[in-house]
N, C-alpha and C. Protein backbone atom coordinates (compact mmCIF):
# COMPACT_ATOMS: atom_id res chain seq x y z
N MET A 1 139.29 104.66 20.26
CA MET A 1 138.60 104.07 21.36
C MET A 1 137.40 104.94 21.72
N ALA A 2 136.28 104.32 21.94
CA ALA A 2 135.04 105.04 22.23
C ALA A 2 134.78 105.07 23.73
N GLU A 3 134.22 106.19 24.18
CA GLU A 3 133.86 106.30 25.59
C GLU A 3 132.45 105.81 25.80
N SER A 4 132.26 105.15 26.91
CA SER A 4 130.91 104.68 27.26
C SER A 4 130.34 105.60 28.34
N TYR A 5 129.07 105.84 28.24
CA TYR A 5 128.39 106.69 29.21
C TYR A 5 127.29 105.88 29.87
N TYR A 6 127.37 105.76 31.19
CA TYR A 6 126.35 105.03 31.95
C TYR A 6 125.67 105.99 32.92
N GLU A 7 124.37 105.93 32.96
CA GLU A 7 123.63 106.75 33.93
C GLU A 7 123.34 105.87 35.15
N ILE A 8 123.87 106.28 36.30
CA ILE A 8 123.72 105.50 37.52
C ILE A 8 122.87 106.30 38.50
N ASP A 9 121.82 105.64 39.01
CA ASP A 9 120.96 106.29 40.02
C ASP A 9 121.65 106.21 41.38
N PRO A 10 121.55 107.28 42.17
CA PRO A 10 122.14 107.22 43.51
C PRO A 10 121.41 106.21 44.38
N GLU A 11 122.14 105.63 45.34
CA GLU A 11 121.53 104.66 46.24
C GLU A 11 120.44 105.33 47.06
N LYS A 12 119.45 104.56 47.37
CA LYS A 12 118.32 105.12 48.12
C LYS A 12 118.54 104.89 49.61
N PHE A 13 118.78 105.98 50.32
CA PHE A 13 118.94 105.93 51.77
C PHE A 13 117.69 106.42 52.48
N PHE A 14 116.72 106.86 51.69
CA PHE A 14 115.52 107.44 52.29
C PHE A 14 114.78 106.45 53.17
N GLU A 15 114.68 105.20 52.72
CA GLU A 15 113.94 104.22 53.50
C GLU A 15 114.56 104.03 54.88
N GLU A 16 115.89 103.98 54.93
CA GLU A 16 116.55 103.81 56.22
C GLU A 16 116.30 105.00 57.12
N GLU A 17 116.35 106.21 56.54
CA GLU A 17 116.11 107.42 57.34
C GLU A 17 114.67 107.43 57.86
N GLU A 18 113.72 107.06 56.99
CA GLU A 18 112.32 107.04 57.41
C GLU A 18 112.09 106.01 58.50
N LEU A 19 112.71 104.84 58.38
CA LEU A 19 112.56 103.82 59.41
C LEU A 19 113.18 104.27 60.72
N ALA A 20 114.28 105.00 60.64
CA ALA A 20 114.93 105.48 61.86
C ALA A 20 114.08 106.53 62.56
N GLN A 21 113.30 107.31 61.80
CA GLN A 21 112.48 108.36 62.39
C GLN A 21 111.17 107.82 62.95
N THR A 22 110.68 106.73 62.44
CA THR A 22 109.38 106.21 62.86
C THR A 22 109.29 105.92 64.34
N PRO A 23 110.26 105.25 65.00
CA PRO A 23 110.12 104.99 66.43
C PRO A 23 110.04 106.27 67.26
N GLU A 24 110.78 107.31 66.84
CA GLU A 24 110.72 108.56 67.58
C GLU A 24 109.33 109.17 67.51
N GLU A 25 108.74 109.11 66.31
CA GLU A 25 107.42 109.69 66.14
C GLU A 25 106.39 108.96 66.98
N ASN A 26 106.55 107.64 67.13
CA ASN A 26 105.59 106.86 67.90
C ASN A 26 105.69 107.14 69.39
N THR A 27 106.86 107.58 69.86
CA THR A 27 107.02 107.83 71.29
C THR A 27 106.50 109.19 71.71
N ASN A 28 106.28 110.09 70.75
CA ASN A 28 105.77 111.41 71.10
C ASN A 28 104.34 111.30 71.59
N THR A 29 104.02 112.08 72.60
CA THR A 29 102.67 112.11 73.13
C THR A 29 101.81 112.96 72.20
N PRO A 30 100.63 112.49 71.84
CA PRO A 30 99.78 113.29 70.97
C PRO A 30 99.32 114.55 71.69
N GLU A 31 99.11 115.59 70.90
CA GLU A 31 98.64 116.85 71.47
C GLU A 31 97.17 116.72 71.81
N THR A 32 96.76 117.36 72.91
CA THR A 32 95.38 117.24 73.35
C THR A 32 94.88 118.57 73.88
N ASN A 33 93.57 118.69 73.99
CA ASN A 33 92.95 119.86 74.59
C ASN A 33 92.49 119.57 76.01
N LYS A 34 92.83 118.41 76.55
CA LYS A 34 92.44 118.05 77.91
C LYS A 34 93.39 118.72 78.89
N ALA A 35 92.85 119.51 79.80
CA ALA A 35 93.67 120.23 80.77
C ALA A 35 94.13 119.32 81.89
N PHE A 36 95.21 119.71 82.55
CA PHE A 36 95.68 118.97 83.71
C PHE A 36 96.12 119.96 84.78
N ASN A 37 96.09 119.51 86.03
CA ASN A 37 96.48 120.34 87.16
C ASN A 37 97.94 120.07 87.47
N GLU A 38 98.79 121.06 87.29
CA GLU A 38 100.22 120.84 87.48
C GLU A 38 100.62 120.82 88.95
N THR A 39 99.71 121.10 89.89
CA THR A 39 100.06 121.03 91.31
C THR A 39 99.97 119.61 91.84
N GLN A 40 99.35 118.70 91.10
CA GLN A 40 99.25 117.31 91.54
C GLN A 40 100.60 116.64 91.37
N LYS A 41 100.91 115.72 92.27
CA LYS A 41 102.17 114.99 92.21
C LYS A 41 101.92 113.69 91.46
N TYR A 42 102.38 113.65 90.22
CA TYR A 42 102.20 112.45 89.41
C TYR A 42 103.46 111.62 89.52
N LYS A 43 103.33 110.41 89.97
CA LYS A 43 104.48 109.54 90.18
C LYS A 43 104.49 108.44 89.13
N ARG A 44 105.62 108.33 88.43
CA ARG A 44 105.71 107.31 87.40
C ARG A 44 105.61 105.91 87.97
N PHE A 45 106.17 105.72 89.15
CA PHE A 45 106.18 104.37 89.70
C PHE A 45 104.83 103.96 90.25
N ALA A 46 103.91 104.87 90.41
CA ALA A 46 102.60 104.53 90.98
C ALA A 46 101.84 103.57 90.07
N GLU A 47 102.07 103.67 88.76
CA GLU A 47 101.38 102.79 87.83
C GLU A 47 101.83 101.34 87.99
N ALA A 48 103.05 101.15 88.51
CA ALA A 48 103.57 99.80 88.66
C ALA A 48 102.91 99.05 89.81
N TYR A 49 102.36 99.78 90.75
CA TYR A 49 101.73 99.14 91.90
C TYR A 49 100.33 98.70 91.56
N GLN A 50 100.07 97.45 91.75
CA GLN A 50 98.75 96.87 91.53
C GLN A 50 98.24 96.35 92.86
N PRO A 51 96.95 96.16 93.00
CA PRO A 51 96.43 95.62 94.26
C PRO A 51 97.10 94.30 94.61
N ILE A 52 97.43 94.14 95.87
CA ILE A 52 98.13 92.95 96.34
C ILE A 52 97.15 92.14 97.18
N GLU A 53 96.90 90.94 96.77
CA GLU A 53 96.02 90.07 97.54
C GLU A 53 96.58 88.67 97.52
N PRO A 54 96.43 87.95 98.61
CA PRO A 54 96.84 86.55 98.57
C PRO A 54 95.89 85.79 97.65
N PRO A 55 96.33 84.68 97.10
CA PRO A 55 95.45 83.91 96.23
C PRO A 55 94.17 83.51 96.96
N LYS A 56 93.08 83.41 96.23
CA LYS A 56 91.79 83.09 96.85
C LYS A 56 91.78 81.70 97.48
N ASP A 57 92.58 80.80 96.94
CA ASP A 57 92.61 79.44 97.49
C ASP A 57 93.70 79.29 98.56
N TYR A 58 94.23 80.40 99.04
CA TYR A 58 95.29 80.36 100.05
C TYR A 58 94.77 79.85 101.38
N GLU A 59 95.47 78.87 101.93
CA GLU A 59 95.16 78.35 103.26
C GLU A 59 96.47 78.22 104.00
N TYR A 60 96.47 78.64 105.22
CA TYR A 60 97.68 78.55 106.03
C TYR A 60 97.92 77.11 106.43
N THR A 61 99.08 76.59 106.09
CA THR A 61 99.48 75.25 106.54
C THR A 61 100.88 75.36 107.09
N PRO A 62 101.09 74.92 108.33
CA PRO A 62 102.43 74.99 108.90
C PRO A 62 103.38 74.10 108.10
N SER A 63 104.64 74.47 108.08
CA SER A 63 105.62 73.68 107.32
C SER A 63 105.80 72.32 107.97
N GLU A 64 106.31 71.35 107.19
CA GLU A 64 106.48 69.98 107.70
C GLU A 64 107.48 69.94 108.85
N ASN A 65 108.56 70.71 108.74
CA ASN A 65 109.57 70.73 109.81
C ASN A 65 108.98 71.22 111.11
N LEU A 66 108.11 72.17 111.04
CA LEU A 66 107.51 72.74 112.23
C LEU A 66 106.62 71.72 112.92
N THR A 67 105.89 70.91 112.16
CA THR A 67 105.00 69.92 112.76
C THR A 67 105.78 68.75 113.34
N LYS A 68 106.93 68.41 112.78
CA LYS A 68 107.73 67.29 113.30
C LYS A 68 108.36 67.64 114.64
N ASN A 69 108.77 68.88 114.82
CA ASN A 69 109.47 69.29 116.03
C ASN A 69 108.53 69.64 117.18
N THR A 70 107.30 69.88 116.91
CA THR A 70 106.38 70.27 117.99
C THR A 70 105.74 69.03 118.58
N PRO A 71 105.50 69.05 119.87
CA PRO A 71 104.85 67.89 120.48
C PRO A 71 103.44 67.76 119.94
N GLU A 72 103.00 66.49 119.89
CA GLU A 72 101.67 66.25 119.33
C GLU A 72 100.61 66.76 120.27
N THR A 73 99.76 67.56 119.73
CA THR A 73 98.61 68.09 120.47
C THR A 73 97.39 67.91 119.61
N PRO A 74 96.25 67.98 120.19
CA PRO A 74 95.06 67.85 119.36
C PRO A 74 95.07 68.93 118.28
N GLN A 75 94.56 68.55 117.11
CA GLN A 75 94.52 69.49 115.98
C GLN A 75 93.72 70.73 116.37
N GLN A 76 94.37 71.87 116.21
CA GLN A 76 93.69 73.14 116.45
C GLN A 76 93.67 73.90 115.13
N ALA A 77 92.79 74.83 115.09
CA ALA A 77 92.78 75.69 113.90
C ALA A 77 94.14 76.40 113.86
N PRO A 78 94.74 76.50 112.70
CA PRO A 78 96.06 77.11 112.62
C PRO A 78 96.03 78.54 113.17
N SER A 79 97.09 78.88 113.88
CA SER A 79 97.20 80.23 114.43
C SER A 79 97.39 81.20 113.28
N SER A 80 96.60 82.24 113.29
CA SER A 80 96.68 83.17 112.17
C SER A 80 96.98 84.58 112.63
N GLY A 81 97.66 84.74 113.77
CA GLY A 81 98.01 86.07 114.26
C GLY A 81 98.87 86.84 113.27
N ILE A 82 99.89 86.21 112.76
CA ILE A 82 100.76 86.86 111.79
C ILE A 82 100.01 87.05 110.49
N ASP A 83 99.27 86.06 110.08
CA ASP A 83 98.54 86.16 108.83
C ASP A 83 97.51 87.28 108.88
N ASP A 84 96.86 87.47 110.01
CA ASP A 84 95.90 88.57 110.12
C ASP A 84 96.60 89.91 109.95
N ASP A 85 97.79 90.03 110.53
CA ASP A 85 98.55 91.26 110.36
C ASP A 85 98.93 91.48 108.90
N VAL A 86 99.40 90.40 108.27
CA VAL A 86 99.79 90.49 106.86
C VAL A 86 98.58 90.83 106.01
N LEU A 87 97.47 90.15 106.25
CA LEU A 87 96.27 90.41 105.47
C LEU A 87 95.75 91.83 105.69
N SER A 88 95.81 92.32 106.92
CA SER A 88 95.34 93.68 107.16
C SER A 88 96.24 94.69 106.47
N SER A 89 97.55 94.41 106.41
CA SER A 89 98.44 95.33 105.69
C SER A 89 98.17 95.28 104.19
N TYR A 90 97.89 94.07 103.66
CA TYR A 90 97.49 93.97 102.25
C TYR A 90 96.24 94.80 101.99
N ASN A 91 95.26 94.65 102.86
CA ASN A 91 94.00 95.37 102.68
C ASN A 91 94.19 96.87 102.76
N SER A 92 95.04 97.33 103.67
CA SER A 92 95.26 98.78 103.77
C SER A 92 95.97 99.32 102.53
N VAL A 93 96.93 98.56 102.02
CA VAL A 93 97.62 98.98 100.79
C VAL A 93 96.63 98.99 99.63
N ASN A 94 95.80 97.96 99.52
CA ASN A 94 94.82 97.90 98.44
C ASN A 94 93.83 99.05 98.51
N SER A 95 93.34 99.36 99.70
CA SER A 95 92.37 100.45 99.81
C SER A 95 93.01 101.78 99.43
N LEU A 96 94.27 101.97 99.80
CA LEU A 96 94.98 103.19 99.43
C LEU A 96 95.15 103.28 97.92
N LEU A 97 95.54 102.17 97.29
CA LEU A 97 95.70 102.16 95.83
C LEU A 97 94.38 102.42 95.12
N LYS A 98 93.30 101.81 95.60
CA LYS A 98 91.99 102.04 94.99
C LYS A 98 91.56 103.48 95.13
N LYS A 99 91.85 104.08 96.28
CA LYS A 99 91.48 105.48 96.51
C LYS A 99 92.20 106.38 95.51
N HIS A 100 93.51 106.15 95.34
CA HIS A 100 94.27 106.98 94.41
C HIS A 100 93.85 106.73 92.97
N ARG A 101 93.52 105.50 92.64
CA ARG A 101 93.13 105.19 91.28
C ARG A 101 91.79 105.82 90.93
N SER A 102 90.88 105.89 91.90
CA SER A 102 89.56 106.44 91.63
C SER A 102 89.53 107.96 91.71
N ASN A 103 90.58 108.59 92.24
CA ASN A 103 90.62 110.04 92.38
C ASN A 103 90.84 110.65 91.00
N PRO A 104 89.91 111.48 90.49
CA PRO A 104 90.05 112.02 89.14
C PRO A 104 91.26 112.92 88.97
N SER A 105 91.73 113.52 90.04
CA SER A 105 92.89 114.39 89.90
C SER A 105 94.18 113.60 89.77
N GLU A 106 94.15 112.30 90.00
CA GLU A 106 95.34 111.47 89.91
C GLU A 106 95.40 110.72 88.58
N GLN A 107 94.58 111.09 87.63
CA GLN A 107 94.57 110.39 86.36
C GLN A 107 95.83 110.72 85.58
N SER A 108 96.08 109.93 84.56
CA SER A 108 97.29 110.16 83.78
C SER A 108 97.23 111.52 83.11
N VAL A 109 98.38 112.04 82.81
CA VAL A 109 98.48 113.40 82.32
C VAL A 109 99.18 113.42 80.98
N ASN A 110 98.63 114.18 80.05
CA ASN A 110 99.30 114.45 78.79
C ASN A 110 99.81 115.88 78.88
N LYS A 111 101.11 116.03 79.06
CA LYS A 111 101.66 117.37 79.25
C LYS A 111 101.76 118.14 77.95
N ASN A 112 101.37 117.54 76.84
CA ASN A 112 101.36 118.20 75.55
C ASN A 112 99.96 118.76 75.30
N SER A 113 99.41 119.42 76.29
CA SER A 113 98.05 119.93 76.24
C SER A 113 98.03 121.37 75.76
N SER A 114 96.86 121.85 75.33
CA SER A 114 96.72 123.23 74.91
C SER A 114 96.44 124.14 76.10
N MET A 115 96.34 123.55 77.30
CA MET A 115 96.13 124.35 78.51
C MET A 115 96.45 123.52 79.74
N HIS A 116 96.81 124.19 80.81
CA HIS A 116 96.95 123.55 82.10
C HIS A 116 96.70 124.60 83.18
N TYR A 117 96.47 124.14 84.38
CA TYR A 117 96.16 125.07 85.46
C TYR A 117 96.90 124.67 86.71
N SER A 118 96.98 125.61 87.63
CA SER A 118 97.62 125.38 88.92
C SER A 118 96.65 125.86 89.99
N LEU A 119 96.01 124.90 90.66
CA LEU A 119 95.03 125.20 91.70
C LEU A 119 95.05 124.04 92.67
N LYS A 120 95.72 124.21 93.79
CA LYS A 120 95.99 123.11 94.72
C LYS A 120 94.71 122.47 95.24
N ASP A 121 94.68 121.14 95.21
CA ASP A 121 93.60 120.30 95.74
C ASP A 121 92.26 120.52 95.05
N ARG A 122 92.27 120.99 93.82
CA ARG A 122 91.02 121.13 93.07
C ARG A 122 91.21 120.51 91.69
N THR A 123 90.09 120.09 91.13
CA THR A 123 90.06 119.52 89.79
C THR A 123 89.10 120.35 88.95
N HIS A 124 89.43 120.53 87.68
CA HIS A 124 88.53 121.33 86.84
C HIS A 124 87.28 120.53 86.50
N LEU A 125 86.15 121.20 86.52
CA LEU A 125 84.89 120.62 86.06
C LEU A 125 84.63 121.05 84.63
N SER A 126 84.94 122.30 84.35
CA SER A 126 84.76 122.84 83.01
C SER A 126 85.88 123.84 82.76
N LEU A 127 86.59 123.64 81.66
CA LEU A 127 87.66 124.56 81.29
C LEU A 127 87.61 124.70 79.77
N PRO A 128 87.17 125.86 79.28
CA PRO A 128 87.00 126.02 77.83
C PRO A 128 88.28 125.78 77.06
N THR A 129 88.14 125.07 75.96
CA THR A 129 89.28 124.79 75.08
C THR A 129 89.60 126.03 74.27
N PRO A 130 90.87 126.43 74.21
CA PRO A 130 91.21 127.63 73.44
C PRO A 130 90.93 127.42 71.95
N ILE A 131 90.10 128.29 71.42
CA ILE A 131 89.80 128.26 69.99
C ILE A 131 90.73 129.27 69.33
N TYR A 132 91.25 128.91 68.19
CA TYR A 132 92.29 129.72 67.57
C TYR A 132 91.67 130.80 66.70
N LEU A 133 91.34 131.93 67.33
CA LEU A 133 90.65 133.02 66.65
C LEU A 133 91.59 134.15 66.25
N CYS A 134 92.80 134.14 66.77
CA CYS A 134 93.73 135.24 66.52
C CYS A 134 94.69 134.87 65.38
N GLU A 135 95.26 135.90 64.77
CA GLU A 135 96.16 135.68 63.64
C GLU A 135 97.43 134.96 64.07
N SER A 136 97.98 135.33 65.22
CA SER A 136 99.21 134.68 65.68
C SER A 136 98.93 133.90 66.96
N GLY A 137 99.84 133.01 67.30
CA GLY A 137 99.68 132.19 68.49
C GLY A 137 100.55 132.67 69.63
N GLY A 138 100.42 132.00 70.77
CA GLY A 138 101.25 132.37 71.91
C GLY A 138 100.78 131.72 73.19
N LYS A 139 101.57 131.94 74.24
CA LYS A 139 101.28 131.39 75.56
C LYS A 139 100.79 132.53 76.45
N ILE A 140 99.61 132.35 77.04
CA ILE A 140 99.03 133.37 77.92
C ILE A 140 98.78 132.75 79.28
N ILE A 141 99.30 133.39 80.33
CA ILE A 141 99.09 132.93 81.70
C ILE A 141 98.09 133.88 82.36
N ILE A 142 97.02 133.32 82.88
CA ILE A 142 95.98 134.10 83.54
C ILE A 142 95.95 133.73 85.02
N ASN A 143 96.09 134.72 85.89
CA ASN A 143 95.93 134.50 87.33
C ASN A 143 94.45 134.52 87.65
N ILE A 144 94.00 133.59 88.48
CA ILE A 144 92.59 133.51 88.82
C ILE A 144 92.39 133.45 90.33
N THR A 145 91.21 133.87 90.75
CA THR A 145 90.76 133.69 92.13
C THR A 145 89.49 132.87 92.06
N VAL A 146 89.44 131.78 92.82
CA VAL A 146 88.31 130.85 92.80
C VAL A 146 87.64 130.87 94.17
N ASN A 147 86.29 130.91 94.18
CA ASN A 147 85.56 130.92 95.45
C ASN A 147 85.28 129.50 95.93
N SER A 148 84.57 129.37 97.04
CA SER A 148 84.30 128.06 97.63
C SER A 148 83.41 127.19 96.75
N LYS A 149 82.65 127.81 95.85
CA LYS A 149 81.77 127.06 94.94
C LYS A 149 82.52 126.56 93.71
N GLY A 150 83.77 126.97 93.55
CA GLY A 150 84.56 126.54 92.40
C GLY A 150 84.44 127.47 91.20
N LEU A 151 83.85 128.64 91.40
CA LEU A 151 83.68 129.61 90.32
C LEU A 151 84.82 130.62 90.32
N VAL A 152 85.22 131.06 89.14
CA VAL A 152 86.28 132.06 89.02
C VAL A 152 85.66 133.43 89.28
N THR A 153 86.17 134.13 90.29
CA THR A 153 85.63 135.45 90.63
C THR A 153 86.48 136.59 90.08
N LYS A 154 87.77 136.36 89.89
CA LYS A 154 88.67 137.37 89.33
C LYS A 154 89.61 136.69 88.35
N ALA A 155 89.99 137.44 87.32
CA ALA A 155 90.96 136.94 86.35
C ALA A 155 91.73 138.12 85.77
N TYR A 156 93.04 137.98 85.69
CA TYR A 156 93.86 139.01 85.07
C TYR A 156 95.11 138.36 84.48
N VAL A 157 95.70 139.05 83.49
CA VAL A 157 96.86 138.52 82.79
C VAL A 157 98.09 138.59 83.71
N ASN A 158 98.78 137.49 83.82
CA ASN A 158 99.99 137.39 84.64
C ASN A 158 101.12 138.19 83.98
N GLY A 159 101.95 138.83 84.80
CA GLY A 159 103.06 139.63 84.30
C GLY A 159 104.11 138.82 83.56
N ALA A 160 104.15 137.50 83.76
CA ALA A 160 105.13 136.65 83.07
C ALA A 160 104.75 136.40 81.62
N THR A 161 103.53 136.78 81.23
CA THR A 161 103.11 136.61 79.84
C THR A 161 103.90 137.58 78.98
N LYS A 162 104.58 137.05 77.97
CA LYS A 162 105.49 137.87 77.17
C LYS A 162 104.84 138.46 75.93
N THR A 163 103.72 137.93 75.51
CA THR A 163 103.11 138.42 74.28
C THR A 163 102.41 139.76 74.51
N THR A 164 102.39 140.56 73.47
CA THR A 164 101.67 141.84 73.53
C THR A 164 100.39 141.77 72.72
N ASN A 165 100.06 140.60 72.22
CA ASN A 165 98.88 140.42 71.37
C ASN A 165 97.61 140.53 72.21
N GLU A 166 96.86 141.61 72.02
CA GLU A 166 95.64 141.85 72.79
C GLU A 166 94.54 140.85 72.47
N CYS A 167 94.51 140.35 71.24
CA CYS A 167 93.51 139.35 70.85
C CYS A 167 93.66 138.10 71.72
N LEU A 168 94.89 137.63 71.87
CA LEU A 168 95.15 136.44 72.69
C LEU A 168 94.79 136.70 74.15
N LYS A 169 95.18 137.84 74.66
CA LYS A 169 94.91 138.17 76.06
C LYS A 169 93.41 138.22 76.35
N GLN A 170 92.64 138.86 75.47
CA GLN A 170 91.20 138.99 75.69
C GLN A 170 90.50 137.63 75.66
N HIS A 171 90.88 136.79 74.69
CA HIS A 171 90.27 135.46 74.62
C HIS A 171 90.65 134.61 75.84
N ALA A 172 91.89 134.70 76.27
CA ALA A 172 92.32 133.93 77.44
C ALA A 172 91.57 134.38 78.69
N LEU A 173 91.36 135.68 78.86
CA LEU A 173 90.59 136.19 80.01
C LEU A 173 89.16 135.68 79.98
N GLU A 174 88.54 135.70 78.79
CA GLU A 174 87.16 135.20 78.66
C GLU A 174 87.08 133.72 79.03
N TYR A 175 88.01 132.92 78.53
CA TYR A 175 88.00 131.49 78.82
C TYR A 175 88.22 131.23 80.30
N ALA A 176 89.13 131.97 80.92
CA ALA A 176 89.43 131.77 82.34
C ALA A 176 88.20 132.08 83.20
N LYS A 177 87.45 133.12 82.84
CA LYS A 177 86.26 133.49 83.62
C LYS A 177 85.15 132.45 83.51
N GLU A 178 85.16 131.67 82.43
CA GLU A 178 84.14 130.63 82.23
C GLU A 178 84.50 129.32 82.93
N ALA A 179 85.71 129.18 83.41
CA ALA A 179 86.18 127.93 84.02
C ALA A 179 85.47 127.67 85.35
N THR A 180 85.23 126.39 85.65
CA THR A 180 84.68 125.99 86.95
C THR A 180 85.52 124.84 87.50
N PHE A 181 85.62 124.81 88.83
CA PHE A 181 86.44 123.81 89.51
C PHE A 181 85.62 123.14 90.60
N THR A 182 86.16 122.09 91.19
CA THR A 182 85.44 121.39 92.26
C THR A 182 85.26 122.33 93.45
N PRO A 183 84.09 122.28 94.08
CA PRO A 183 83.84 123.14 95.25
C PRO A 183 84.69 122.71 96.44
N ASP A 184 85.02 123.68 97.29
CA ASP A 184 85.75 123.40 98.53
C ASP A 184 85.30 124.43 99.57
N ALA A 185 84.44 124.01 100.48
CA ALA A 185 83.86 124.93 101.47
C ALA A 185 84.92 125.51 102.40
N SER A 186 86.05 124.84 102.54
CA SER A 186 87.09 125.34 103.45
C SER A 186 87.90 126.49 102.84
N LYS A 187 87.73 126.74 101.55
CA LYS A 187 88.49 127.80 100.88
C LYS A 187 87.53 128.82 100.27
N SER A 188 87.32 129.93 100.97
CA SER A 188 86.40 130.95 100.46
C SER A 188 87.02 131.70 99.29
N SER A 189 88.34 131.76 99.24
CA SER A 189 89.04 132.42 98.15
C SER A 189 90.38 131.73 97.96
N GLN A 190 90.65 131.29 96.73
CA GLN A 190 91.89 130.57 96.45
C GLN A 190 92.51 131.11 95.17
N LEU A 191 93.81 131.39 95.23
CA LEU A 191 94.53 131.89 94.06
C LEU A 191 95.08 130.73 93.24
N GLY A 192 95.12 130.93 91.94
CA GLY A 192 95.67 129.93 91.04
C GLY A 192 95.99 130.56 89.70
N SER A 193 96.26 129.74 88.72
CA SER A 193 96.53 130.26 87.38
C SER A 193 96.11 129.24 86.34
N ILE A 194 95.81 129.75 85.16
CA ILE A 194 95.51 128.90 83.99
C ILE A 194 96.44 129.36 82.88
N THR A 195 97.09 128.42 82.22
CA THR A 195 97.97 128.74 81.10
C THR A 195 97.34 128.20 79.83
N PHE A 196 97.15 129.09 78.86
CA PHE A 196 96.58 128.71 77.56
C PHE A 196 97.67 128.79 76.50
N TYR A 197 97.70 127.79 75.62
CA TYR A 197 98.61 127.79 74.48
C TYR A 197 97.76 127.93 73.23
N PHE A 198 97.80 129.11 72.63
CA PHE A 198 97.02 129.37 71.43
C PHE A 198 97.89 129.13 70.20
N LYS A 199 97.27 128.56 69.18
CA LYS A 199 97.92 128.45 67.88
C LYS A 199 97.27 129.48 66.97
N GLY A 200 98.07 130.13 66.16
CA GLY A 200 97.53 131.14 65.26
C GLY A 200 96.81 130.52 64.08
N LYS A 201 96.08 131.36 63.36
CA LYS A 201 95.35 130.88 62.17
C LYS A 201 96.32 130.49 61.06
N HIS A 202 97.47 131.13 61.05
CA HIS A 202 98.41 130.88 59.95
C HIS A 202 99.59 130.11 60.43
């Protein structure tokens, strides 16, 4: 009796694994160099609120039951005391939503950024993007003092920074000193911080 030899290829599970990984990859936020202010309160539910307005063709008409039960009187313009209150509340909500939507510090945030800062009630005007000039990467926290014009007057490395890489520290200090923020005449000196995430060359 002769033996038969068959070469069988293993089943391909790779396609299923790749398909399973694809949705996860799509949900990840892309990395960006756009800075954000971590002192702002970003509310997820705020995006759900849209301006509320009654339809443009809305006209107040009393219900049929109400007209049948009331004694007949000459036609008057419908009373709009309640409607004025409702409309004024709609308008106040809309104006508040428009104000928050137009405020640049309330814009959406990508927390996968190469930098972020903490400076209450201020928005960055210019914040240099960390260029990867050092051999290794790391996270550098720089404490800053900002004057009323929005200029950085002092900068030093925060003690919470764990890296000992002087290249990273020097570049982070240079970038922090070049940063500018919105002016605020009520604050002659304000403390804050900028966190830079450097990637190494290798």
